[in-house]
Amino acid sequence: MIDCEYYQNYNGPKLILAQIWLKNKERENITEHIQKFYGNENNWNGKLYTFNDIFPNKDSSYHFYIEFIDETQRKHWFHGMVGNKDQYFNPPLATPMNQI
Protein backbone atom coordinates (compact mmCIF):
# COMPACT_ATOMS: atom_id res chain seq x y z
CA MET A 1 0.00 0.00 0.00
CA ILE A 2 1.05 3.59 -0.61
CA ASP A 3 -0.30 6.99 0.39
CA CYS A 4 -2.41 8.57 -2.34
CA GLU A 5 -3.04 12.31 -2.55
CA TYR A 6 -6.27 11.78 -4.52
CA TYR A 7 -7.83 9.90 -1.63
CA GLN A 8 -6.44 12.16 1.13
CA ASN A 9 -9.17 14.80 0.67
CA TYR A 10 -11.81 12.48 -0.72
CA ASN A 11 -15.06 11.74 1.11
CA GLY A 12 -17.03 9.23 -0.91
CA PRO A 13 -20.49 7.72 -0.61
CA LYS A 14 -21.36 5.01 1.90
CA LEU A 15 -20.22 1.49 1.02
CA ILE A 16 -23.25 -0.81 1.04
CA LEU A 17 -22.16 -3.99 -0.76
CA ALA A 18 -19.01 -5.79 -1.84
CA GLN A 19 -18.94 -9.24 -3.39
CA ILE A 20 -16.37 -11.57 -4.90
CA TRP A 21 -16.89 -14.72 -6.92
CA LEU A 22 -15.33 -17.27 -9.21
CA LYS A 23 -16.86 -17.45 -12.67
CA ASN A 24 -20.17 -19.37 -12.51
CA LYS A 25 -19.99 -19.68 -8.71
CA GLU A 26 -21.95 -18.17 -5.84
CA ARG A 27 -21.06 -14.68 -4.77
CA GLU A 28 -19.44 -14.16 -1.38
CA ASN A 29 -20.33 -11.04 0.60
CA ILE A 30 -17.09 -9.28 1.59
CA THR A 31 -18.59 -5.92 2.56
CA GLU A 32 -17.15 -5.90 6.10
CA HIS A 33 -13.69 -6.83 4.80
CA ILE A 34 -13.71 -4.05 2.18
CA GLN A 35 -15.08 -1.52 4.70
CA LYS A 36 -11.85 -1.88 6.70
CA PHE A 37 -9.95 -0.57 3.68
CA TYR A 38 -12.57 2.01 2.67
CA GLY A 39 -12.37 3.44 6.20
CA ASN A 40 -14.58 5.55 8.45
CA GLU A 41 -14.04 8.62 6.27
CA ASN A 42 -15.03 6.77 3.06
CA ASN A 43 -11.67 7.62 1.51
CA TRP A 44 -9.80 4.29 1.29
CA ASN A 45 -7.89 5.54 4.36
CA GLY A 46 -6.00 7.86 1.99
CA LYS A 47 -4.14 4.94 0.41
CA LEU A 48 -3.85 2.80 -2.69
CA TYR A 49 -3.70 -0.90 -1.93
CA THR A 50 -2.45 -3.82 -3.98
CA PHE A 51 -4.87 -6.45 -5.18
CA ASN A 52 -3.20 -8.80 -2.70
CA ASP A 53 -3.98 -6.37 0.16
CA ILE A 54 -7.66 -6.15 -0.82
CA PHE A 55 -8.21 -9.67 -2.15
CA PRO A 56 -5.62 -11.92 -0.48
CA ASN A 57 -5.02 -15.31 -2.12
CA LYS A 58 -7.23 -14.41 -5.10
CA ASP A 59 -6.21 -14.25 -8.76
CA SER A 60 -7.68 -13.18 -12.09
CA SER A 61 -10.21 -16.02 -11.98
CA TYR A 62 -12.09 -13.96 -9.35
CA HIS A 63 -14.48 -11.13 -10.12
CA PHE A 64 -15.69 -8.39 -7.76
CA TYR A 65 -18.58 -5.94 -7.49
CA ILE A 66 -18.63 -2.95 -5.11
CA GLU A 67 -21.64 -0.69 -4.56
CA PHE A 68 -22.12 2.60 -2.73
CA ILE A 69 -25.04 4.92 -2.01
CA ASP A 70 -24.78 8.67 -1.62
CA GLU A 71 -26.87 11.04 0.49
CA THR A 72 -29.34 11.53 -2.37
CA GLN A 73 -29.85 7.73 -2.49
CA ARG A 74 -28.08 7.54 -5.85
CA LYS A 75 -26.12 4.29 -6.31
CA HIS A 76 -22.54 4.23 -7.50
CA TRP A 77 -20.84 0.96 -8.37
CA PHE A 78 -17.92 -0.60 -10.15
CA HIS A 79 -16.85 -4.12 -10.93
CA GLY A 80 -13.89 -5.95 -12.37
CA MET A 81 -11.61 -8.88 -11.98
CA VAL A 82 -8.77 -9.27 -9.54
CA GLY A 83 -5.47 -8.23 -11.07
CA ASN A 84 -1.90 -9.28 -10.46
CA LYS A 85 -1.24 -9.50 -6.72
CA ASP A 86 1.37 -6.72 -6.82
CA GLN A 87 -0.70 -4.43 -9.08
CA TYR A 88 -2.45 -1.50 -7.42
CA PHE A 89 -6.20 -1.73 -6.97
CA ASN A 90 -7.25 1.76 -8.08
CA PRO A 91 -11.00 2.18 -7.47
CA PRO A 92 -12.81 5.07 -9.14
CA LEU A 93 -13.78 8.11 -7.10
CA ALA A 94 -17.53 8.62 -6.93
CA THR A 95 -18.03 12.32 -6.33
CA PRO A 96 -21.34 13.34 -4.79
CA MET A 97 -23.09 16.21 -6.57
CA ASN A 98 -22.58 18.56 -3.61
CA GLN A 99 -18.81 17.99 -3.46
CA ILE A 100 -16.36 19.99 -5.57
C-alpha atoms as a PDB file:
ATOM      1  CA  MET A   1       0.000   0.000   0.000  1.00  0.00           C
ATOM      2  CA  ILE A   2       1.047   3.587  -0.607  1.00  0.00           C
ATOM      3  CA  ASP A   3      -0.303   6.989   0.389  1.00  0.00           C
ATOM      4  CA  CYS A   4      -2.412   8.569  -2.344  1.00  0.00           C
ATOM      5  CA  GLU A   5      -3.041  12.311  -2.550  1.00  0.00           C
ATOM      6  CA  TYR A   6      -6.274  11.778  -4.525  1.00  0.00           C
ATOM      7  CA  TYR A   7      -7.831   9.900  -1.634  1.00  0.00           C
ATOM      8  CA  GLN A   8      -6.438  12.159   1.130  1.00  0.00           C
ATOM      9  CA  ASN A   9      -9.172  14.796   0.672  1.00  0.00           C
ATOM     10  CA  TYR A  10     -11.815  12.477  -0.721  1.00  0.00           C
ATOM     11  CA  ASN A  11     -15.060  11.744   1.107  1.00  0.00           C
ATOM     12  CA  GLY A  12     -17.031   9.229  -0.911  1.00  0.00           C
ATOM     13  CA  PRO A  13     -20.488   7.723  -0.609  1.00  0.00           C
ATOM     14  CA  LYS A  14     -21.360   5.012   1.898  1.00  0.00           C
ATOM     15  CA  LEU A  15     -20.217   1.488   1.019  1.00  0.00           C
ATOM     16  CA  ILE A  16     -23.253  -0.810   1.036  1.00  0.00           C
ATOM     17  CA  LEU A  17     -22.162  -3.990  -0.762  1.00  0.00           C
ATOM     18  CA  ALA A  18     -19.007  -5.793  -1.835  1.00  0.00           C
ATOM     19  CA  GLN A  19     -18.939  -9.237  -3.388  1.00  0.00           C
ATOM     20  CA  ILE A  20     -16.367 -11.569  -4.899  1.00  0.00           C
ATOM     21  CA  TRP A  21     -16.893 -14.721  -6.915  1.00  0.00           C
ATOM     22  CA  LEU A  22     -15.330 -17.268  -9.211  1.00  0.00           C
ATOM     23  CA  LYS A  23     -16.859 -17.450 -12.672  1.00  0.00           C
ATOM     24  CA  ASN A  24     -20.170 -19.369 -12.509  1.00  0.00           C
ATOM     25  CA  LYS A  25     -19.994 -19.678  -8.708  1.00  0.00           C
ATOM     26  CA  GLU A  26     -21.945 -18.166  -5.844  1.00  0.00           C
ATOM     27  CA  ARG A  27     -21.057 -14.676  -4.770  1.00  0.00           C
ATOM     28  CA  GLU A  28     -19.443 -14.158  -1.378  1.00  0.00           C
ATOM     29  CA  ASN A  29     -20.333 -11.036   0.596  1.00  0.00           C
ATOM     30  CA  ILE A  30     -17.090  -9.280   1.588  1.00  0.00           C
ATOM     31  CA  THR A  31     -18.585  -5.917   2.558  1.00  0.00           C
ATOM     32  CA  GLU A  32     -17.145  -5.904   6.099  1.00  0.00           C
ATOM     33  CA  HIS A  33     -13.693  -6.834   4.801  1.00  0.00           C
ATOM     34  CA  ILE A  34     -13.708  -4.054   2.177  1.00  0.00           C
ATOM     35  CA  GLN A  35     -15.081  -1.521   4.702  1.00  0.00           C
ATOM     36  CA  LYS A  36     -11.847  -1.881   6.702  1.00  0.00           C
ATOM     37  CA  PHE A  37      -9.946  -0.565   3.685  1.00  0.00           C
ATOM     38  CA  TYR A  38     -12.574   2.012   2.667  1.00  0.00           C
ATOM     39  CA  GLY A  39     -12.371   3.437   6.204  1.00  0.00           C
ATOM     40  CA  ASN A  40     -14.578   5.551   8.448  1.00  0.00           C
ATOM     41  CA  GLU A  41     -14.042   8.625   6.266  1.00  0.00           C
ATOM     42  CA  ASN A  42     -15.033   6.774   3.064  1.00  0.00           C
ATOM     43  CA  ASN A  43     -11.671   7.620   1.506  1.00  0.00           C
ATOM     44  CA  TRP A  44      -9.804   4.293   1.294  1.00  0.00           C
ATOM     45  CA  ASN A  45      -7.895   5.541   4.357  1.00  0.00           C
ATOM     46  CA  GLY A  46      -6.001   7.857   1.991  1.00  0.00           C
ATOM     47  CA  LYS A  47      -4.138   4.936   0.409  1.00  0.00           C
ATOM     48  CA  LEU A  48      -3.848   2.804  -2.689  1.00  0.00           C
ATOM     49  CA  TYR A  49      -3.700  -0.900  -1.925  1.00  0.00           C
ATOM     50  CA  THR A  50      -2.449  -3.816  -3.982  1.00  0.00           C
ATOM     51  CA  PHE A  51      -4.874  -6.454  -5.178  1.00  0.00           C
ATOM     52  CA  ASN A  52      -3.200  -8.803  -2.696  1.00  0.00           C
ATOM     53  CA  ASP A  53      -3.981  -6.367   0.156  1.00  0.00           C
ATOM     54  CA  ILE A  54      -7.659  -6.147  -0.816  1.00  0.00           C
ATOM     55  CA  PHE A  55      -8.208  -9.673  -2.150  1.00  0.00           C
ATOM     56  CA  PRO A  56      -5.619 -11.924  -0.478  1.00  0.00           C
ATOM     57  CA  ASN A  57      -5.016 -15.307  -2.119  1.00  0.00           C
ATOM     58  CA  LYS A  58      -7.233 -14.408  -5.098  1.00  0.00           C
ATOM     59  CA  ASP A  59      -6.208 -14.249  -8.757  1.00  0.00           C
ATOM     60  CA  SER A  60      -7.682 -13.176 -12.089  1.00  0.00           C
ATOM     61  CA  SER A  61     -10.205 -16.022 -11.977  1.00  0.00           C
ATOM     62  CA  TYR A  62     -12.089 -13.961  -9.354  1.00  0.00           C
ATOM     63  CA  HIS A  63     -14.478 -11.125 -10.123  1.00  0.00           C
ATOM     64  CA  PHE A  64     -15.695  -8.395  -7.759  1.00  0.00           C
ATOM     65  CA  TYR A  65     -18.583  -5.941  -7.490  1.00  0.00           C
ATOM     66  CA  ILE A  66     -18.628  -2.952  -5.109  1.00  0.00           C
ATOM     67  CA  GLU A  67     -21.642  -0.688  -4.557  1.00  0.00           C
ATOM     68  CA  PHE A  68     -22.117   2.603  -2.730  1.00  0.00           C
ATOM     69  CA  ILE A  69     -25.043   4.919  -2.011  1.00  0.00           C
ATOM     70  CA  ASP A  70     -24.784   8.673  -1.619  1.00  0.00           C
ATOM     71  CA  GLU A  71     -26.868  11.043   0.493  1.00  0.00           C
ATOM     72  CA  THR A  72     -29.342  11.535  -2.372  1.00  0.00           C
ATOM     73  CA  GLN A  73     -29.850   7.728  -2.493  1.00  0.00           C
ATOM     74  CA  ARG A  74     -28.076   7.535  -5.850  1.00  0.00           C
ATOM     75  CA  LYS A  75     -26.124   4.291  -6.310  1.00  0.00           C
ATOM     76  CA  HIS A  76     -22.536   4.233  -7.496  1.00  0.00           C
ATOM     77  CA  TRP A  77     -20.840   0.964  -8.365  1.00  0.00           C
ATOM     78  CA  PHE A  78     -17.921  -0.601 -10.146  1.00  0.00           C
ATOM     79  CA  HIS A  79     -16.847  -4.116 -10.929  1.00  0.00           C
ATOM     80  CA  GLY A  80     -13.893  -5.949 -12.370  1.00  0.00           C
ATOM     81  CA  MET A  81     -11.608  -8.875 -11.982  1.00  0.00           C
ATOM     82  CA  VAL A  82      -8.773  -9.266  -9.536  1.00  0.00           C
ATOM     83  CA  GLY A  83      -5.472  -8.226 -11.071  1.00  0.00           C
ATOM     84  CA  ASN A  84      -1.900  -9.285 -10.456  1.00  0.00           C
ATOM     85  CA  LYS A  85      -1.237  -9.502  -6.718  1.00  0.00           C
ATOM     86  CA  ASP A  86       1.371  -6.720  -6.821  1.00  0.00           C
ATOM     87  CA  GLN A  87      -0.695  -4.430  -9.078  1.00  0.00           C
ATOM     88  CA  TYR A  88      -2.448  -1.497  -7.419  1.00  0.00           C
ATOM     89  CA  PHE A  89      -6.203  -1.731  -6.968  1.00  0.00           C
ATOM     90  CA  ASN A  90      -7.247   1.759  -8.076  1.00  0.00           C
ATOM     91  CA  PRO A  91     -10.997   2.179  -7.472  1.00  0.00           C
ATOM     92  CA  PRO A  92     -12.807   5.071  -9.142  1.00  0.00           C
ATOM     93  CA  LEU A  93     -13.778   8.110  -7.100  1.00  0.00           C
ATOM     94  CA  ALA A  94     -17.534   8.621  -6.929  1.00  0.00           C
ATOM     95  CA  THR A  95     -18.031  12.317  -6.326  1.00  0.00           C
ATOM     96  CA  PRO A  96     -21.338  13.343  -4.793  1.00  0.00           C
ATOM     97  CA  MET A  97     -23.086  16.210  -6.566  1.00  0.00           C
ATOM     98  CA  ASN A  98     -22.577  18.565  -3.607  1.00  0.00           C
ATOM     99  CA  GLN A  99     -18.813  17.992  -3.457  1.00  0.00           C
ATOM    100  CA  ILE A 100     -16.357  19.991  -5.575  1.00  0.00           C
END
